[in-house]
C-alpha atoms as a PDB file:
ATOM      1  CA  UNK A   1    -102.458 -60.883  27.508  1.00  0.00           C
ATOM      2  CA  UNK A   2    -101.204 -63.423  25.007  1.00  0.00           C
ATOM      3  CA  UNK A   3     -99.980 -66.854  26.044  1.00  0.00           C
ATOM      4  CA  UNK A   4     -96.413 -67.548  24.886  1.00  0.00           C
ATOM      5  CA  UNK A   5     -94.357 -70.721  24.784  1.00  0.00           C
ATOM      6  CA  UNK A   6     -90.928 -69.471  25.781  1.00  0.00           C
ATOM      7  CA  UNK A   7     -88.003 -71.849  25.647  1.00  0.00           C
ATOM      8  CA  UNK A   8     -85.132 -69.384  25.816  1.00  0.00           C
ATOM      9  CA  UNK A   9     -84.824 -66.608  28.360  1.00  0.00           C
ATOM     10  CA  UNK A  10     -85.621 -63.155  27.046  1.00  0.00           C
ATOM     11  CA  UNK A  11     -84.868 -59.922  28.799  1.00  0.00           C
ATOM     12  CA  UNK A  12     -87.456 -58.462  31.116  1.00  0.00           C
ATOM     13  CA  UNK A  13     -87.603 -55.256  29.082  1.00  0.00           C
ATOM     14  CA  UNK A  14     -88.055 -56.956  25.716  1.00  0.00           C
ATOM     15  CA  UNK A  15     -90.860 -59.226  26.929  1.00  0.00           C
ATOM     16  CA  UNK A  16     -92.714 -56.438  28.713  1.00  0.00           C
ATOM     17  CA  UNK A  17     -92.326 -54.181  25.660  1.00  0.00           C
ATOM     18  CA  UNK A  18     -93.511 -56.905  23.281  1.00  0.00           C
ATOM     19  CA  UNK A  19     -96.608 -57.390  25.442  1.00  0.00           C
ATOM     20  CA  UNK A  20     -97.246 -53.633  25.656  1.00  0.00           C
ATOM     21  CA  UNK A  21     -96.919 -53.710  29.449  1.00  0.00           C
ATOM     22  CA  UNK A  22     -95.558 -50.921  31.617  1.00  0.00           C
ATOM     23  CA  UNK A  23     -92.133 -51.367  33.177  1.00  0.00           C
ATOM     24  CA  UNK A  24     -93.170 -50.539  36.752  1.00  0.00           C
ATOM     25  CA  UNK A  25     -90.690 -50.541  39.648  1.00  0.00           C
ATOM     26  CA  UNK A  26     -92.847 -53.154  41.430  1.00  0.00           C
ATOM     27  CA  UNK A  27     -92.813 -55.549  38.461  1.00  0.00           C
ATOM     28  CA  UNK A  28     -89.069 -55.083  38.042  1.00  0.00           C
ATOM     29  CA  UNK A  29     -88.490 -55.747  41.756  1.00  0.00           C
ATOM     30  CA  UNK A  30     -90.645 -58.902  41.851  1.00  0.00           C
ATOM     31  CA  UNK A  31     -88.855 -60.175  38.728  1.00  0.00           C
ATOM     32  CA  UNK A  32     -85.457 -59.532  40.330  1.00  0.00           C
ATOM     33  CA  UNK A  33     -86.573 -61.363  43.491  1.00  0.00           C
ATOM     34  CA  UNK A  34     -87.449 -64.407  41.366  1.00  0.00           C
ATOM     35  CA  UNK A  35     -84.165 -64.258  39.452  1.00  0.00           C
ATOM     36  CA  UNK A  36     -82.063 -63.858  42.603  1.00  0.00           C
ATOM     37  CA  UNK A  37     -82.958 -67.193  44.208  1.00  0.00           C
ATOM     38  CA  UNK A  38     -84.414 -69.755  41.813  1.00  0.00           C
ATOM     39  CA  UNK A  39     -86.042 -72.043  44.362  1.00  0.00           C
ATOM     40  CA  UNK A  40     -89.686 -72.133  43.224  1.00  0.00           C
ATOM     41  CA  UNK A  41     -91.169 -69.790  45.868  1.00  0.00           C
ATOM     42  CA  UNK A  42     -94.876 -69.342  46.549  1.00  0.00           C
ATOM     43  CA  UNK A  43     -96.440 -65.893  46.087  1.00  0.00           C
ATOM     44  CA  UNK A  44     -96.252 -65.361  49.860  1.00  0.00           C
ATOM     45  CA  UNK A  45     -92.538 -66.196  49.871  1.00  0.00           C
ATOM     46  CA  UNK A  46     -91.986 -63.797  46.957  1.00  0.00           C
ATOM     47  CA  UNK A  47     -93.923 -61.131  48.901  1.00  0.00           C
ATOM     48  CA  UNK A  48     -91.767 -61.576  52.030  1.00  0.00           C
ATOM     49  CA  UNK A  49     -88.572 -61.374  49.968  1.00  0.00           C
ATOM     50  CA  UNK A  50     -89.842 -58.403  47.961  1.00  0.00           C
ATOM     51  CA  UNK A  51     -90.701 -56.480  51.133  1.00  0.00           C
ATOM     52  CA  UNK A  52     -87.054 -56.599  52.194  1.00  0.00           C
ATOM     53  CA  UNK A  53     -86.089 -54.352  49.289  1.00  0.00           C
ATOM     54  CA  UNK A  54     -89.412 -52.548  48.825  1.00  0.00           C
ATOM     55  CA  UNK A  55     -91.258 -52.301  52.169  1.00  0.00           C
ATOM     56  CA  UNK A  56     -94.296 -50.578  50.648  1.00  0.00           C
ATOM     57  CA  UNK A  57     -95.145 -53.412  48.221  1.00  0.00           C
ATOM     58  CA  UNK A  58     -98.432 -55.201  48.965  1.00  0.00           C
ATOM     59  CA  UNK A  59     -99.311 -58.878  48.639  1.00  0.00           C
ATOM     60  CA  UNK A  60    -101.952 -57.946  46.043  1.00  0.00           C
ATOM     61  CA  UNK A  61     -99.299 -56.170  43.962  1.00  0.00           C
ATOM     62  CA  UNK A  62     -97.022 -59.216  44.151  1.00  0.00           C
ATOM     63  CA  UNK A  63     -99.887 -61.461  42.995  1.00  0.00           C
ATOM     64  CA  UNK A  64    -100.650 -59.082  40.117  1.00  0.00           C
ATOM     65  CA  UNK A  65     -96.978 -58.920  39.101  1.00  0.00           C
ATOM     66  CA  UNK A  66     -96.655 -62.710  39.167  1.00  0.00           C
ATOM     67  CA  UNK A  67     -99.841 -63.135  37.126  1.00  0.00           C
ATOM     68  CA  UNK A  68     -98.536 -60.662  34.546  1.00  0.00           C
ATOM     69  CA  UNK A  69     -95.156 -62.401  34.348  1.00  0.00           C
ATOM     70  CA  UNK A  70     -96.728 -65.847  33.926  1.00  0.00           C
ATOM     71  CA  UNK A  71     -99.101 -64.518  31.250  1.00  0.00           C
ATOM     72  CA  UNK A  72     -96.265 -62.885  29.331  1.00  0.00           C
ATOM     73  CA  UNK A  73     -93.976 -65.912  29.550  1.00  0.00           C
ATOM     74  CA  UNK A  74     -91.337 -64.428  31.864  1.00  0.00           C
ATOM     75  CA  UNK A  75     -91.848 -67.104  34.528  1.00  0.00           C
ATOM     76  CA  UNK A  76     -93.726 -70.390  34.817  1.00  0.00           C
ATOM     77  CA  UNK A  77     -96.396 -71.293  37.340  1.00  0.00           C
ATOM     78  CA  UNK A  78     -95.715 -74.672  38.951  1.00  0.00           C
ATOM     79  CA  UNK A  79     -98.708 -76.539  40.327  1.00  0.00           C
ATOM     80  CA  UNK A  80     -98.002 -79.446  42.660  1.00  0.00           C
ATOM     81  CA  UNK A  81    -101.030 -81.298  43.984  1.00  0.00           C
ATOM     82  CA  UNK A  82    -103.156 -79.023  46.196  1.00  0.00           C
ATOM     83  CA  UNK A  83    -100.284 -76.862  47.381  1.00  0.00           C
ATOM     84  CA  UNK A  84     -99.996 -73.139  46.665  1.00  0.00           C
ATOM     85  CA  UNK A  85     -98.744 -72.252  43.194  1.00  0.00           C
ATOM     86  CA  UNK A  86     -94.994 -71.837  42.990  1.00  0.00           C
ATOM     87  CA  UNK A  87     -93.085 -69.751  40.484  1.00  0.00           C
ATOM     88  CA  UNK A  88     -90.175 -70.904  38.349  1.00  0.00           C
ATOM     89  CA  UNK A  89     -87.693 -68.635  36.595  1.00  0.00           C
ATOM     90  CA  UNK A  90     -86.219 -71.454  34.471  1.00  0.00           C
ATOM     91  CA  UNK A  91     -87.759 -71.066  31.020  1.00  0.00           C
ATOM     92  CA  UNK A  92     -85.985 -73.999  29.384  1.00  0.00           C
ATOM     93  CA  UNK A  93     -88.036 -77.175  28.951  1.00  0.00           C
ATOM     94  CA  UNK A  94     -87.653 -79.072  32.207  1.00  0.00           C
ATOM     95  CA  UNK A  95     -89.543 -81.013  34.818  1.00  0.00           C
ATOM     96  CA  UNK A  96     -89.642 -80.839  38.598  1.00  0.00           C
ATOM     97  CA  UNK A  97     -88.814 -83.130  41.493  1.00  0.00           C
ATOM     98  CA  UNK A  98     -91.053 -82.544  44.512  1.00  0.00           C
ATOM     99  CA  UNK A  99     -89.847 -83.843  47.870  1.00  0.00           C
ATOM    100  CA  UNK A 100     -92.917 -85.224  49.618  1.00  0.00           C
ATOM    101  CA  UNK A 101     -91.281 -84.841  53.027  1.00  0.00           C
ATOM    102  CA  UNK A 102     -89.928 -81.261  53.132  1.00  0.00           C
ATOM    103  CA  UNK A 103     -91.778 -79.826  50.098  1.00  0.00           C
ATOM    104  CA  UNK A 104     -88.628 -78.674  48.295  1.00  0.00           C
ATOM    105  CA  UNK A 105     -88.939 -78.460  44.479  1.00  0.00           C
ATOM    106  CA  UNK A 106     -85.910 -78.934  42.230  1.00  0.00           C
ATOM    107  CA  UNK A 107     -85.603 -78.579  38.456  1.00  0.00           C
ATOM    108  CA  UNK A 108     -85.049 -81.751  36.430  1.00  0.00           C
ATOM    109  CA  UNK A 109     -83.340 -81.022  33.142  1.00  0.00           C
ATOM    110  CA  UNK A 110     -84.446 -82.900  30.059  1.00  0.00           C
ATOM    111  CA  UNK A 111     -81.811 -83.811  27.488  1.00  0.00           C
ATOM    112  CA  UNK A 112     -80.619 -80.603  25.846  1.00  0.00           C
ATOM    113  CA  UNK A 113     -81.764 -80.013  22.289  1.00  0.00           C
ATOM    114  CA  UNK A 114     -79.705 -78.124  19.766  1.00  0.00           C
ATOM    115  CA  UNK A 115     -81.191 -75.170  17.915  1.00  0.00           C
ATOM    116  CA  UNK A 116     -81.803 -77.416  14.908  1.00  0.00           C
ATOM    117  CA  UNK A 117     -83.531 -80.152  16.935  1.00  0.00           C
ATOM    118  CA  UNK A 118     -87.215 -80.933  16.803  1.00  0.00           C
ATOM    119  CA  UNK A 119     -89.501 -78.423  18.517  1.00  0.00           C
ATOM    120  CA  UNK A 120     -91.272 -79.075  21.827  1.00  0.00           C
ATOM    121  CA  UNK A 121     -94.259 -80.364  19.871  1.00  0.00           C
ATOM    122  CA  UNK A 122     -92.390 -83.598  19.071  1.00  0.00           C
ATOM    123  CA  UNK A 123     -93.149 -86.690  21.137  1.00  0.00           C
ATOM    124  CA  UNK A 124     -90.741 -87.048  24.078  1.00  0.00           C
ATOM    125  CA  UNK A 125     -88.260 -89.879  23.518  1.00  0.00           C
ATOM    126  CA  UNK A 126     -89.507 -93.210  24.788  1.00  0.00           C
ATOM    127  CA  UNK A 127     -93.137 -92.146  25.230  1.00  0.00           C
ATOM    128  CA  UNK A 128     -95.786 -93.885  23.170  1.00  0.00           C
ATOM    129  CA  UNK A 129     -98.761 -91.710  22.342  1.00  0.00           C
ATOM    130  CA  UNK A 130    -101.846 -92.736  20.399  1.00  0.00           C
ATOM    131  CA  UNK A 131    -101.566 -92.178  16.660  1.00  0.00           C
ATOM    132  CA  UNK A 132    -102.201 -88.569  15.648  1.00  0.00           C
ATOM    133  CA  UNK A 133    -101.584 -87.054  19.096  1.00  0.00           C
ATOM    134  CA  UNK A 134     -99.249 -84.040  19.248  1.00  0.00           C
ATOM    135  CA  UNK A 135     -97.487 -82.876  22.419  1.00  0.00           C
ATOM    136  CA  UNK A 136     -97.631 -79.084  22.734  1.00  0.00           C
ATOM    137  CA  UNK A 137     -96.526 -78.739  26.355  1.00  0.00           C
ATOM    138  CA  UNK A 138     -94.702 -80.915  28.866  1.00  0.00           C
ATOM    139  CA  UNK A 139     -95.496 -80.681  32.580  1.00  0.00           C
ATOM    140  CA  UNK A 140     -93.619 -83.395  34.444  1.00  0.00           C
ATOM    141  CA  UNK A 141     -93.379 -83.663  38.230  1.00  0.00           C
ATOM    142  CA  UNK A 142     -91.649 -86.565  39.927  1.00  0.00           C
ATOM    143  CA  UNK A 143     -92.284 -87.117  43.628  1.00  0.00           C
ATOM    144  CA  UNK A 144     -90.089 -88.726  46.258  1.00  0.00           C
ATOM    145  CA  UNK A 145     -87.483 -87.784  48.858  1.00  0.00           C
ATOM    146  CA  UNK A 146     -84.623 -85.337  48.361  1.00  0.00           C
ATOM    147  CA  UNK A 147     -81.099 -86.172  49.521  1.00  0.00           C
ATOM    148  CA  UNK A 148     -81.509 -84.211  52.764  1.00  0.00           C
ATOM    149  CA  UNK A 149     -84.661 -86.151  53.664  1.00  0.00           C
ATOM    150  CA  UNK A 150     -83.217 -89.539  52.745  1.00  0.00           C
ATOM    151  CA  UNK A 151     -80.134 -88.811  54.872  1.00  0.00           C
ATOM    152  CA  UNK A 152     -82.177 -87.508  57.828  1.00  0.00           C
ATOM    153  CA  UNK A 153     -81.222 -83.822  57.424  1.00  0.00           C
ATOM    154  CA  UNK A 154     -84.816 -82.629  57.015  1.00  0.00           C
ATOM    155  CA  UNK A 155     -85.694 -78.977  57.230  1.00  0.00           C
ATOM    156  CA  UNK A 156     -89.458 -78.601  56.974  1.00  0.00           C
ATOM    157  CA  UNK A 157     -89.500 -74.799  57.199  1.00  0.00           C
ATOM    158  CA  UNK A 158     -89.302 -73.008  53.850  1.00  0.00           C
ATOM    159  CA  UNK A 159     -86.230 -70.877  53.178  1.00  0.00           C
ATOM    160  CA  UNK A 160     -87.251 -67.274  52.701  1.00  0.00           C
END
């Protein structure tokens, strides 16, 4: 599988076809589960959701589907500290806010760039890099408390 930098969403069919991958019902279903609720679920959460519409799907199949989708650029893997990998359907350049109390992860949008703007490889505004360095990927995670946790409305159980 080739690694792709995807900044604009492409259709499931076109990406899978470009990669020479089969359009299996399981892959389609896992992709639809991710698109339905864009809340950065873990593989186990995706599995539980996927079972609701496809009871015969296995956890191993979900892991394989997620690995294929990350490798083909359909979704992003989000790694936060030593927690399980989460999966993000937002393919635009963005960062994440991780609530250290309830574990919720929210997208943080960077300033939008027009089609004629500099590519991702440009240095992010306001960052000073050593001379000659070139940014090829941004992976930003801010940590703190979400509004529910700061207001005392904590819900520590993940929404599935």
